PDB file of N, CA and C in Angstrom:
ATOM      1  N   MET A   1       0.970  -1.177   0.052  1.00  0.00           N
ATOM      2  CA  MET A   1       0.078  -0.127   0.008  1.00  0.00           C
ATOM      3  C   MET A   1       0.901   1.276  -0.135  1.00  0.00           C
ATOM      4  N   GLU A   2       1.839   1.323   0.797  1.00  0.00           N
ATOM      5  CA  GLU A   2       2.939   2.241   0.840  1.00  0.00           C
ATOM      6  C   GLU A   2       3.476   2.720  -0.575  1.00  0.00           C
ATOM      7  N   LEU A   3       3.861   1.624  -1.118  1.00  0.00           N
ATOM      8  CA  LEU A   3       4.416   1.818  -2.640  1.00  0.00           C
ATOM      9  C   LEU A   3       3.357   2.471  -3.580  1.00  0.00           C
ATOM     10  N   LEU A   4       2.145   2.135  -3.268  1.00  0.00           N
ATOM     11  CA  LEU A   4       0.995   2.457  -4.329  1.00  0.00           C
ATOM     12  C   LEU A   4       0.925   4.142  -3.728  1.00  0.00           C
ATOM     13  N   LYS A   5       0.751   4.531  -2.506  1.00  0.00           N
ATOM     14  CA  LYS A   5       0.744   5.790  -2.202  1.00  0.00           C
ATOM     15  C   LYS A   5       1.934   6.619  -2.709  1.00  0.00           C
ATOM     16  N   GLU A   6       2.878   6.210  -2.557  1.00  0.00           N
ATOM     17  CA  GLU A   6       4.079   7.027  -3.050  1.00  0.00           C
ATOM     18  C   GLU A   6       4.123   7.132  -4.708  1.00  0.00           C
ATOM     19  N   LYS A   7       3.624   6.055  -5.322  1.00  0.00           N
ATOM     20  CA  LYS A   7       3.563   6.400  -6.788  1.00  0.00           C
ATOM     21  C   LYS A   7       2.216   7.251  -7.316  1.00  0.00           C
ATOM     22  N   TYR A   8       1.301   7.047  -6.695  1.00  0.00           N
ATOM     23  CA  TYR A   8       0.060   7.865  -7.024  1.00  0.00           C
ATOM     24  C   TYR A   8      -0.050   8.850  -5.863  1.00  0.00           C
ATOM     25  N   LEU A   9       0.475   9.987  -5.843  1.00  0.00           N
ATOM     26  CA  LEU A   9       0.323  10.856  -4.647  1.00  0.00           C
ATOM     27  C   LEU A   9      -0.973  11.307  -4.307  1.00  0.00           C
ATOM     28  N   ASN A  10      -1.894  11.164  -5.106  1.00  0.00           N
ATOM     29  CA  ASN A  10      -3.262  11.765  -4.805  1.00  0.00           C
ATOM     30  C   ASN A  10      -4.176  10.799  -4.337  1.00  0.00           C
ATOM     31  N   VAL A  11      -3.657   9.369  -4.043  1.00  0.00           N
ATOM     32  CA  VAL A  11      -4.556   8.404  -3.631  1.00  0.00           C
ATOM     33  C   VAL A  11      -4.674   8.220  -2.103  1.00  0.00           C
ATOM     34  N   ASN A  12      -5.892   8.254  -1.641  1.00  0.00           N
ATOM     35  CA  ASN A  12      -6.238   8.137  -0.204  1.00  0.00           C
ATOM     36  C   ASN A  12      -6.701   6.658   0.035  1.00  0.00           C
ATOM     37  N   VAL A  13      -6.116   6.011   1.005  1.00  0.00           N
ATOM     38  CA  VAL A  13      -6.466   4.699   1.335  1.00  0.00           C
ATOM     39  C   VAL A  13      -7.404   4.768   2.528  1.00  0.00           C
ATOM     40  N   LEU A  14      -8.406   4.039   2.527  1.00  0.00           N
ATOM     41  CA  LEU A  14      -9.384   3.957   3.513  1.00  0.00           C
ATOM     42  C   LEU A  14      -9.666   2.598   3.883  1.00  0.00           C
ATOM     43  N   ASN A  15      -9.648   2.344   5.131  1.00  0.00           N
ATOM     44  CA  ASN A  15      -9.632   1.117   5.835  1.00  0.00           C
ATOM     45  C   ASN A  15     -10.953   1.092   6.612  1.00  0.00           C
ATOM     46  N   TYR A  16     -11.967   0.400   6.418  1.00  0.00           N
ATOM     47  CA  TYR A  16     -13.211   0.254   6.796  1.00  0.00           C
ATOM     48  C   TYR A  16     -13.269  -1.025   7.632  1.00  0.00           C
ATOM     49  N   THR A  17     -13.724  -1.138   8.660  1.00  0.00           N
ATOM     50  CA  THR A  17     -14.213  -2.618   9.325  1.00  0.00           C
ATOM     51  C   THR A  17     -15.487  -3.133   8.286  1.00  0.00           C
ATOM     52  N   PRO A  18     -15.593  -4.493   8.258  1.00  0.00           N
ATOM     53  CA  PRO A  18     -16.599  -4.867   7.389  1.00  0.00           C
ATOM     54  C   PRO A  18     -17.935  -4.262   7.997  1.00  0.00           C
ATOM     55  N   GLU A  19     -18.136  -4.275   9.143  1.00  0.00           N
ATOM     56  CA  GLU A  19     -19.366  -3.805   9.768  1.00  0.00           C
ATOM     57  C   GLU A  19     -19.537  -2.378   9.377  1.00  0.00           C
ATOM     58  N   ILE A  20     -18.595  -1.473   9.378  1.00  0.00           N
ATOM     59  CA  ILE A  20     -18.748   0.096   8.697  1.00  0.00           C
ATOM     60  C   ILE A  20     -19.135  -0.033   7.293  1.00  0.00           C
ATOM     61  N   PHE A  21     -18.263  -0.634   6.711  1.00  0.00           N
ATOM     62  CA  PHE A  21     -18.423  -0.886   5.152  1.00  0.00           C
ATOM     63  C   PHE A  21     -19.976  -1.456   4.654  1.00  0.00           C
ATOM     64  N   GLU A  22     -20.437  -2.127   5.265  1.00  0.00           N
ATOM     65  CA  GLU A  22     -21.985  -2.643   5.225  1.00  0.00           C
ATOM     66  C   GLU A  22     -22.767  -1.732   5.512  1.00  0.00           C
ATOM     67  N   GLU A  23     -22.636  -0.933   6.868  1.00  0.00           N
ATOM     68  CA  GLU A  23     -23.440   0.338   7.259  1.00  0.00           C
ATOM     69  C   GLU A  23     -23.497   1.238   6.176  1.00  0.00           C
ATOM     70  N   ILE A  24     -22.607   1.982   5.712  1.00  0.00           N
ATOM     71  CA  ILE A  24     -22.283   2.885   4.664  1.00  0.00           C
ATOM     72  C   ILE A  24     -23.006   2.334   3.296  1.00  0.00           C
ATOM     73  N   LEU A  25     -22.787   0.908   3.139  1.00  0.00           N
ATOM     74  CA  LEU A  25     -23.624   0.308   2.046  1.00  0.00           C
ATOM     75  C   LEU A  25     -24.874   0.692   1.812  1.00  0.00           C
ATOM     76  N   TYR A  26     -25.564   0.325   2.919  1.00  0.00           N
ATOM     77  CA  TYR A  26     -26.968   0.238   2.971  1.00  0.00           C
ATOM     78  C   TYR A  26     -27.706   1.325   3.498  1.00  0.00           C
ATOM     79  N   LYS A  27     -26.962   2.283   4.108  1.00  0.00           N
ATOM     80  CA  LYS A  27     -27.721   3.542   4.571  1.00  0.00           C
ATOM     81  C   LYS A  27     -27.390   4.811   3.842  1.00  0.00           C
ATOM     82  N   ASP A  28     -26.248   4.934   3.250  1.00  0.00           N
ATOM     83  CA  ASP A  28     -25.803   6.238   2.341  1.00  0.00           C
ATOM     84  C   ASP A  28     -26.278   5.825   1.063  1.00  0.00           C
ATOM     85  N   GLU A  29     -27.121   6.647   0.487  1.00  0.00           N
ATOM     86  CA  GLU A  29     -27.576   6.154  -0.776  1.00  0.00           C
ATOM     87  C   GLU A  29     -26.292   6.480  -1.831  1.00  0.00           C
ATOM     88  N   MET A  30     -25.766   7.637  -1.610  1.00  0.00           N
ATOM     89  CA  MET A  30     -24.664   7.963  -2.718  1.00  0.00           C
ATOM     90  C   MET A  30     -23.527   7.138  -2.439  1.00  0.00           C
ATOM     91  N   VAL A  31     -22.883   7.263  -1.338  1.00  0.00           N
ATOM     92  CA  VAL A  31     -21.498   6.363  -1.135  1.00  0.00           C
ATOM     93  C   VAL A  31     -21.828   5.088  -1.118  1.00  0.00           C
ATOM     94  N   GLY A  32     -23.185   4.629  -0.701  1.00  0.00           N
ATOM     95  CA  GLY A  32     -23.447   3.062  -0.454  1.00  0.00           C
ATOM     96  C   GLY A  32     -23.513   2.723  -1.850  1.00  0.00           C
ATOM     97  N   THR A  33     -23.916   3.523  -2.844  1.00  0.00           N
ATOM     98  CA  THR A  33     -24.147   3.068  -4.231  1.00  0.00           C
ATOM     99  C   THR A  33     -22.769   2.960  -4.897  1.00  0.00           C
ATOM    100  N   PHE A  34     -21.828   3.699  -4.634  1.00  0.00           N
ATOM    101  CA  PHE A  34     -20.515   3.822  -5.190  1.00  0.00           C
ATOM    102  C   PHE A  34     -19.832   2.586  -4.388  1.00  0.00           C
ATOM    103  N   LEU A  35     -19.987   2.294  -3.188  1.00  0.00           N
ATOM    104  CA  LEU A  35     -19.607   1.099  -2.743  1.00  0.00           C
ATOM    105  C   LEU A  35     -19.995  -0.298  -3.259  1.00  0.00           C
ATOM    106  N   TYR A  36     -21.183  -0.289  -3.785  1.00  0.00           N
ATOM    107  CA  TYR A  36     -21.922  -1.349  -4.362  1.00  0.00           C
ATOM    108  C   TYR A  36     -21.245  -1.592  -5.774  1.00  0.00           C
ATOM    109  N   MET A  37     -20.767  -0.378  -6.467  1.00  0.00           N
ATOM    110  CA  MET A  37     -20.404  -0.511  -7.712  1.00  0.00           C
ATOM    111  C   MET A  37     -18.855  -1.012  -7.349  1.00  0.00           C
ATOM    112  N   ILE A  38     -18.198  -0.988  -6.601  1.00  0.00           N
ATOM    113  CA  ILE A  38     -16.760  -1.211  -6.214  1.00  0.00           C
ATOM    114  C   ILE A  38     -16.820  -2.783  -5.876  1.00  0.00           C
ATOM    115  N   CYS A  39     -17.905  -3.113  -5.103  1.00  0.00           N
ATOM    116  CA  CYS A  39     -18.090  -4.805  -4.745  1.00  0.00           C
ATOM    117  C   CYS A  39     -18.439  -5.265  -5.970  1.00  0.00           C
ATOM    118  N   ARG A  40     -19.410  -4.940  -7.022  1.00  0.00           N
ATOM    119  CA  ARG A  40     -19.630  -5.623  -8.024  1.00  0.00           C
ATOM    120  C   ARG A  40     -18.813  -5.812  -9.105  1.00  0.00           C
ATOM    121  N   GLU A  41     -18.074  -4.556  -9.358  1.00  0.00           N
ATOM    122  CA  GLU A  41     -17.355  -4.707 -10.588  1.00  0.00           C
ATOM    123  C   GLU A  41     -15.813  -4.936 -10.491  1.00  0.00           C
ATOM    124  N   ASN A  42     -15.304  -4.827  -9.108  1.00  0.00           N
ATOM    125  CA  ASN A  42     -13.845  -4.614  -8.911  1.00  0.00           C
ATOM    126  C   ASN A  42     -13.389  -6.020  -8.789  1.00  0.00           C
ATOM    127  N   ILE A  43     -12.135  -6.305  -9.228  1.00  0.00           N
ATOM    128  CA  ILE A  43     -11.325  -7.484  -9.111  1.00  0.00           C
ATOM    129  C   ILE A  43     -10.578  -7.569  -7.767  1.00  0.00           C
ATOM    130  N   ILE A  44     -10.907  -8.418  -6.880  1.00  0.00           N
ATOM    131  CA  ILE A  44     -10.192  -8.469  -5.368  1.00  0.00           C
ATOM    132  C   ILE A  44      -8.571  -8.740  -5.672  1.00  0.00           C
ATOM    133  N   LEU A  45      -7.883  -7.751  -5.051  1.00  0.00           N
ATOM    134  CA  LEU A  45      -6.557  -8.365  -5.254  1.00  0.00           C
ATOM    135  C   LEU A  45      -5.842  -8.868  -4.177  1.00  0.00           C
ATOM    136  N   TYR A  46      -6.479  -8.598  -3.000  1.00  0.00           N
ATOM    137  CA  TYR A  46      -6.177  -8.939  -1.606  1.00  0.00           C
ATOM    138  C   TYR A  46      -7.070  -9.293  -0.594  1.00  0.00           C
ATOM    139  N   ASP A  47      -7.479 -10.570  -0.362  1.00  0.00           N
ATOM    140  CA  ASP A  47      -8.618 -10.765   0.735  1.00  0.00           C
ATOM    141  C   ASP A  47      -8.302 -11.990   1.563  1.00  0.00           C
ATOM    142  N   LYS A  48      -7.344 -11.866   2.265  1.00  0.00           N
ATOM    143  CA  LYS A  48      -6.716 -12.656   2.970  1.00  0.00           C
ATOM    144  C   LYS A  48      -7.717 -13.664   3.666  1.00  0.00           C
ATOM    145  N   TYR A  49      -8.720 -13.127   4.390  1.00  0.00           N
ATOM    146  CA  TYR A  49      -9.815 -13.917   5.118  1.00  0.00           C
ATOM    147  C   TYR A  49     -11.021 -13.956   4.516  1.00  0.00           C
ATOM    148  N   GLY A  50     -11.148 -13.478   3.261  1.00  0.00           N
ATOM    149  CA  GLY A  50     -12.243 -13.734   2.674  1.00  0.00           C
ATOM    150  C   GLY A  50     -13.515 -12.822   2.913  1.00  0.00           C
ATOM    151  N   THR A  51     -13.104 -11.718   3.716  1.00  0.00           N
ATOM    152  CA  THR A  51     -14.207 -10.829   4.279  1.00  0.00           C
ATOM    153  C   THR A  51     -14.932 -10.184   3.166  1.00  0.00           C
ATOM    154  N   PHE A  52     -14.051  -9.510   2.033  1.00  0.00           N
ATOM    155  CA  PHE A  52     -14.694  -8.962   1.104  1.00  0.00           C
ATOM    156  C   PHE A  52     -15.721 -10.022   0.212  1.00  0.00           C
ATOM    157  N   MET A  53     -15.313 -11.024  -0.097  1.00  0.00           N
ATOM    158  CA  MET A  53     -16.082 -11.760  -0.646  1.00  0.00           C
ATOM    159  C   MET A  53     -17.422 -12.235   0.084  1.00  0.00           C
ATOM    160  N   SER A  54     -17.145 -12.264   1.443  1.00  0.00           N
ATOM    161  CA  SER A  54     -18.320 -12.669   2.183  1.00  0.00           C
ATOM    162  C   SER A  54     -19.550 -11.418   2.438  1.00  0.00           C
ATOM    163  N   ILE A  55     -18.800 -10.109   2.074  1.00  0.00           N
ATOM    164  CA  ILE A  55     -19.585  -9.259   2.310  1.00  0.00           C
ATOM    165  C   ILE A  55     -20.525  -9.010   0.828  1.00  0.00           C
ATOM    166  N   ARG A  56     -19.807  -9.301  -0.122  1.00  0.00           N
ATOM    167  CA  ARG A  56     -20.192  -9.479  -1.612  1.00  0.00           C
ATOM    168  C   ARG A  56     -21.469 -10.495  -1.499  1.00  0.00           C
ATOM    169  N   GLU A  57     -21.242 -11.489  -1.182  1.00  0.00           N
ATOM    170  CA  GLU A  57     -22.147 -12.554  -0.862  1.00  0.00           C
ATOM    171  C   GLU A  57     -23.567 -12.276  -0.160  1.00  0.00           C
ATOM    172  N   ARG A  58     -23.319 -11.555   0.957  1.00  0.00           N
ATOM    173  CA  ARG A  58     -24.372 -10.938   1.710  1.00  0.00           C
ATOM    174  C   ARG A  58     -25.243  -9.932   1.043  1.00  0.00           C
ATOM    175  N   MET A  59     -24.371  -9.239   0.244  1.00  0.00           N
ATOM    176  CA  MET A  59     -25.107  -8.233  -0.549  1.00  0.00           C
ATOM    177  C   MET A  59     -25.942  -8.866  -1.524  1.00  0.00           C
ATOM    178  N   ILE A  60     -25.634  -9.765  -2.250  1.00  0.00           N
ATOM    179  CA  ILE A  60     -26.397 -10.184  -3.374  1.00  0.00           C
ATOM    180  C   ILE A  60     -27.567 -10.844  -2.632  1.00  0.00           C
ATOM    181  N   ASN A  61     -27.745 -11.286  -1.408  1.00  0.00           N
ATOM    182  CA  ASN A  61     -28.898 -12.122  -0.850  1.00  0.00           C
ATOM    183  C   ASN A  61     -29.617 -11.285   0.154  1.00  0.00           C
ATOM    184  N   SER A  62     -29.236 -10.057   0.114  1.00  0.00           N
ATOM    185  CA  SER A  62     -29.562  -9.187   1.323  1.00  0.00           C
ATOM    186  C   SER A  62     -31.118  -8.945   1.307  1.00  0.00           C
ATOM    187  N   LYS A  63     -31.553  -8.876   2.476  1.00  0.00           N
ATOM    188  CA  LYS A  63     -33.074  -8.394   2.696  1.00  0.00           C
ATOM    189  C   LYS A  63     -33.212  -7.018   2.914  1.00  0.00           C
ATOM    190  N   ILE A  64     -32.189  -6.477   3.227  1.00  0.00           N
ATOM    191  CA  ILE A  64     -32.062  -4.821   3.397  1.00  0.00           C
ATOM    192  C   ILE A  64     -32.409  -4.234   2.232  1.00  0.00           C
ATOM    193  N   LYS A  65     -31.558  -4.400   1.192  1.00  0.00           N
ATOM    194  CA  LYS A  65     -31.697  -3.538  -0.092  1.00  0.00           C
ATOM    195  C   LYS A  65     -31.607  -4.787  -1.130  1.00  0.00           C
ATOM    196  N   SER A  66     -32.420  -4.930  -2.222  1.00  0.00           N
ATOM    197  CA  SER A  66     -32.299  -5.787  -3.165  1.00  0.00           C
ATOM    198  C   SER A  66     -31.376  -5.292  -4.071  1.00  0.00           C
ATOM    199  N   GLU A  67     -30.723  -6.309  -4.958  1.00  0.00           N
ATOM    200  CA  GLU A  67     -29.890  -5.938  -6.060  1.00  0.00           C
ATOM    201  C   GLU A  67     -30.417  -5.118  -7.051  1.00  0.00           C
ATOM    202  N   GLU A  68     -31.821  -5.315  -7.340  1.00  0.00           N
ATOM    203  CA  GLU A  68     -32.672  -4.467  -8.294  1.00  0.00           C
ATOM    204  C   GLU A  68     -32.339  -2.966  -7.606  1.00  0.00           C
ATOM    205  N   VAL A  69     -32.861  -2.678  -6.351  1.00  0.00           N
ATOM    206  CA  VAL A  69     -32.624  -1.342  -5.910  1.00  0.00           C
ATOM    207  C   VAL A  69     -31.230  -0.772  -6.064  1.00  0.00           C
ATOM    208  N   PHE A  70     -30.162  -1.631  -5.739  1.00  0.00           N
ATOM    209  CA  PHE A  70     -28.934  -0.893  -5.884  1.00  0.00           C
ATOM    210  C   PHE A  70     -28.338  -0.652  -7.399  1.00  0.00           C
ATOM    211  N   LEU A  71     -28.874  -1.603  -8.277  1.00  0.00           N
ATOM    212  CA  LEU A  71     -28.642  -1.315  -9.869  1.00  0.00           C
ATOM    213  C   LEU A  71     -29.430  -0.041 -10.320  1.00  0.00           C
ATOM    214  N   ARG A  72     -30.640   0.082  -9.775  1.00  0.00           N
ATOM    215  CA  ARG A  72     -31.272   1.439  -9.948  1.00  0.00           C
ATOM    216  C   ARG A  72     -30.630   2.673  -9.546  1.00  0.00           C
ATOM    217  N   GLN A  73     -30.043   2.515  -8.322  1.00  0.00           N
ATOM    218  CA  GLN A  73     -29.246   3.514  -7.679  1.00  0.00           C
ATOM    219  C   GLN A  73     -27.964   3.957  -8.744  1.00  0.00           C
ATOM    220  N   CYS A  74     -27.498   2.821  -9.064  1.00  0.00           N
ATOM    221  CA  CYS A  74     -26.269   3.032  -9.814  1.00  0.00           C
ATOM    222  C   CYS A  74     -26.746   3.665 -11.167  1.00  0.00           C
ATOM    223  N   ILE A  75     -27.709   3.363 -11.800  1.00  0.00           N
ATOM    224  CA  ILE A  75     -28.356   4.279 -12.772  1.00  0.00           C
ATOM    225  C   ILE A  75     -28.353   5.696 -12.648  1.00  0.00           C
ATOM    226  N   GLU A  76     -29.145   5.860 -11.602  1.00  0.00           N
ATOM    227  CA  GLU A  76     -29.202   7.344 -11.134  1.00  0.00           C
ATOM    228  C   GLU A  76     -27.960   8.078 -10.845  1.00  0.00           C
ATOM    229  N   PHE A  77     -27.129   7.376 -10.151  1.00  0.00           N
ATOM    230  CA  PHE A  77     -25.754   7.804  -9.649  1.00  0.00           C
ATOM    231  C   PHE A  77     -24.968   8.245 -11.075  1.00  0.00           C
ATOM    232  N   SER A  78     -24.883   7.347 -12.064  1.00  0.00           N
ATOM    233  CA  SER A  78     -24.419   7.565 -13.342  1.00  0.00           C
ATOM    234  C   SER A  78     -24.710   8.706 -13.938  1.00  0.00           C
ATOM    235  N   LYS A  79     -26.026   8.896 -13.836  1.00  0.00           N
ATOM    236  CA  LYS A  79     -26.889  10.129 -14.492  1.00  0.00           C
ATOM    237  C   LYS A  79     -26.392  11.406 -13.730  1.00  0.00           C
ATOM    238  N   LYS A  80     -26.017  11.275 -12.573  1.00  0.00           N
ATOM    239  CA  LYS A  80     -25.928  12.491 -11.802  1.00  0.00           C
ATOM    240  C   LYS A  80     -24.342  12.852 -11.998  1.00  0.00           C
ATOM    241  N   ILE A  81     -23.516  12.002 -12.350  1.00  0.00           N
ATOM    242  CA  ILE A  81     -21.861  12.155 -12.787  1.00  0.00           C
ATOM    243  C   ILE A  81     -21.847  12.473 -14.152  1.00  0.00           C
ATOM    244  N   GLY A  82     -22.955  12.285 -14.989  1.00  0.00           N
ATOM    245  CA  GLY A  82     -22.838  12.535 -16.414  1.00  0.00           C
ATOM    246  C   GLY A  82     -22.216  11.265 -17.200  1.00  0.00           C
ATOM    247  N   SER A  83     -22.325  10.172 -16.891  1.00  0.00           N
ATOM    248  CA  SER A  83     -21.576   9.306 -17.574  1.00  0.00           C
ATOM    249  C   SER A  83     -22.699   8.208 -18.266  1.00  0.00           C
ATOM    250  N   GLU A  84     -22.843   8.787 -19.528  1.00  0.00           N
ATOM    251  CA  GLU A  84     -23.645   7.934 -20.437  1.00  0.00           C
ATOM    252  C   GLU A  84     -23.193   6.458 -20.365  1.00  0.00           C
ATOM    253  N   LYS A  85     -22.045   6.152 -20.508  1.00  0.00           N
ATOM    254  CA  LYS A  85     -21.481   4.806 -20.680  1.00  0.00           C
ATOM    255  C   LYS A  85     -21.740   4.032 -19.286  1.00  0.00           C
ATOM    256  N   TRP A  86     -21.791   4.505 -18.279  1.00  0.00           N
ATOM    257  CA  TRP A  86     -22.021   3.856 -17.135  1.00  0.00           C
ATOM    258  C   TRP A  86     -23.591   3.839 -16.723  1.00  0.00           C
ATOM    259  N   VAL A  87     -24.297   4.816 -17.444  1.00  0.00           N
ATOM    260  CA  VAL A  87     -25.790   4.606 -17.496  1.00  0.00           C
ATOM    261  C   VAL A  87     -26.379   3.267 -18.261  1.00  0.00           C
ATOM    262  N   ARG A  88     -25.478   3.233 -19.414  1.00  0.00           N
ATOM    263  CA  ARG A  88     -25.982   2.293 -20.452  1.00  0.00           C
ATOM    264  C   ARG A  88     -25.564   0.845 -19.877  1.00  0.00           C
ATOM    265  N   LYS A  89     -24.447   0.683 -19.180  1.00  0.00           N
ATOM    266  CA  LYS A  89     -24.056  -0.390 -18.540  1.00  0.00           C
ATOM    267  C   LYS A  89     -24.725  -0.868 -17.472  1.00  0.00           C
ATOM    268  N   PHE A  90     -25.054  -0.041 -16.536  1.00  0.00           N
ATOM    269  CA  PHE A  90     -26.065  -0.597 -15.387  1.00  0.00           C
ATOM    270  C   PHE A  90     -27.494  -0.786 -15.914  1.00  0.00           C
ATOM    271  N   ASP A  91     -27.985   0.064 -16.896  1.00  0.00           N
ATOM    272  CA  ASP A  91     -29.164  -0.348 -17.104  1.00  0.00           C
ATOM    273  C   ASP A  91     -29.190  -1.527 -18.018  1.00  0.00           C
ATOM    274  N   LYS A  92     -28.299  -2.025 -18.967  1.00  0.00           N
ATOM    275  CA  LYS A  92     -28.233  -3.294 -19.439  1.00  0.00           C
ATOM    276  C   LYS A  92     -27.998  -4.505 -18.231  1.00  0.00           C
ATOM    277  N   THR A  93     -27.070  -4.242 -17.279  1.00  0.00           N
ATOM    278  CA  THR A  93     -27.128  -5.118 -16.195  1.00  0.00           C
ATOM    279  C   THR A  93     -28.435  -5.389 -15.318  1.00  0.00           C
ATOM    280  N   LEU A  94     -29.106  -4.061 -15.327  1.00  0.00           N
ATOM    281  CA  LEU A  94     -30.582  -4.460 -14.716  1.00  0.00           C
ATOM    282  C   LEU A  94     -31.573  -5.109 -15.468  1.00  0.00           C
ATOM    283  N   MET A  95     -31.378  -5.032 -16.604  1.00  0.00           N
ATOM    284  CA  MET A  95     -32.187  -5.816 -17.544  1.00  0.00           C
ATOM    285  C   MET A  95     -31.976  -7.252 -17.454  1.00  0.00           C
ATOM    286  N   HIS A  96     -30.572  -7.551 -17.532  1.00  0.00           N
ATOM    287  CA  HIS A  96     -30.204  -8.874 -17.169  1.00  0.00           C
ATOM    288  C   HIS A  96     -30.809  -9.472 -16.035  1.00  0.00           C
ATOM    289  N   TYR A  97     -30.524  -8.794 -14.854  1.00  0.00           N
ATOM    290  CA  TYR A  97     -30.934  -9.187 -13.639  1.00  0.00           C
ATOM    291  C   TYR A  97     -32.649  -9.478 -13.531  1.00  0.00           C
ATOM    292  N   MET A  98     -33.289  -8.549 -14.167  1.00  0.00           N
ATOM    293  CA  MET A  98     -34.776  -8.832 -14.315  1.00  0.00           C
ATOM    294  C   MET A  98     -35.170  -9.926 -15.007  1.00  0.00           C
ATOM    295  N   TYR A  99     -34.513 -10.159 -16.152  1.00  0.00           N
ATOM    296  CA  TYR A  99     -34.667 -11.312 -17.084  1.00  0.00           C
ATOM    297  C   TYR A  99     -34.467 -12.573 -16.368  1.00  0.00           C
ATOM    298  N   ARG A 100     -33.212 -12.564 -15.674  1.00  0.00           N
ATOM    299  CA  ARG A 100     -33.054 -13.746 -14.946  1.00  0.00           C
ATOM    300  C   ARG A 100     -33.984 -14.014 -13.772  1.00  0.00           C
ATOM    301  N   ASN A 101     -34.354 -12.953 -12.996  1.00  0.00           N
ATOM    302  CA  ASN A 101     -35.530 -13.279 -11.990  1.00  0.00           C
ATOM    303  C   ASN A 101     -36.756 -13.484 -12.446  1.00  0.00           C
ATOM    304  N   ASN A 102     -37.149 -13.145 -13.737  1.00  0.00           N
ATOM    305  CA  ASN A 102     -38.483 -13.483 -14.562  1.00  0.00           C
ATOM    306  C   ASN A 102     -38.255 -15.013 -14.678  1.00  0.00           C
ATOM    307  N   ARG A 103     -37.269 -15.578 -15.062  1.00  0.00           N
ATOM    308  CA  ARG A 103     -37.048 -16.857 -15.626  1.00  0.00           C
ATOM    309  C   ARG A 103     -36.998 -17.778 -14.477  1.00  0.00           C
ATOM    310  N   LYS A 104     -36.516 -17.351 -13.290  1.00  0.00           N
ATOM    311  CA  LYS A 104     -36.565 -18.357 -12.071  1.00  0.00           C
ATOM    312  C   LYS A 104     -38.036 -18.226 -11.634  1.00  0.00           C
ATOM    313  N   ARG A 105     -38.746 -17.395 -11.677  1.00  0.00           N
ATOM    314  CA  ARG A 105     -40.162 -17.208 -11.416  1.00  0.00           C
ATOM    315  C   ARG A 105     -41.125 -18.370 -12.090  1.00  0.00           C
ATOM    316  N   THR A 106     -40.731 -18.414 -13.319  1.00  0.00           N
ATOM    317  CA  THR A 106     -41.556 -19.150 -14.296  1.00  0.00           C
ATOM    318  C   THR A 106     -41.179 -20.849 -14.160  1.00  0.00           C
TER     319      THR A 106
END
């Protein structure tokens, strides 16, 4: 981490406990949406104890907030920051999610 910080001077490294990460994920709409995007899209570089993977699994099966709600928030977030590319990407992801759910129900 220190090497990364030296190479990229404007990088701020944040360390959250899993509990704080999940609290922000579910309670703060803007930052939670951003954290959802990270959970969904990023490749995990280091997760010695599987903490990140367990958060990702709980997030997918959450009773607090469904994946559909998160995806709709991602679309709105992308619109707010003016990224048409991300709007299209999450719109497509939402359509795939809804298609899969409809197929499961029938």
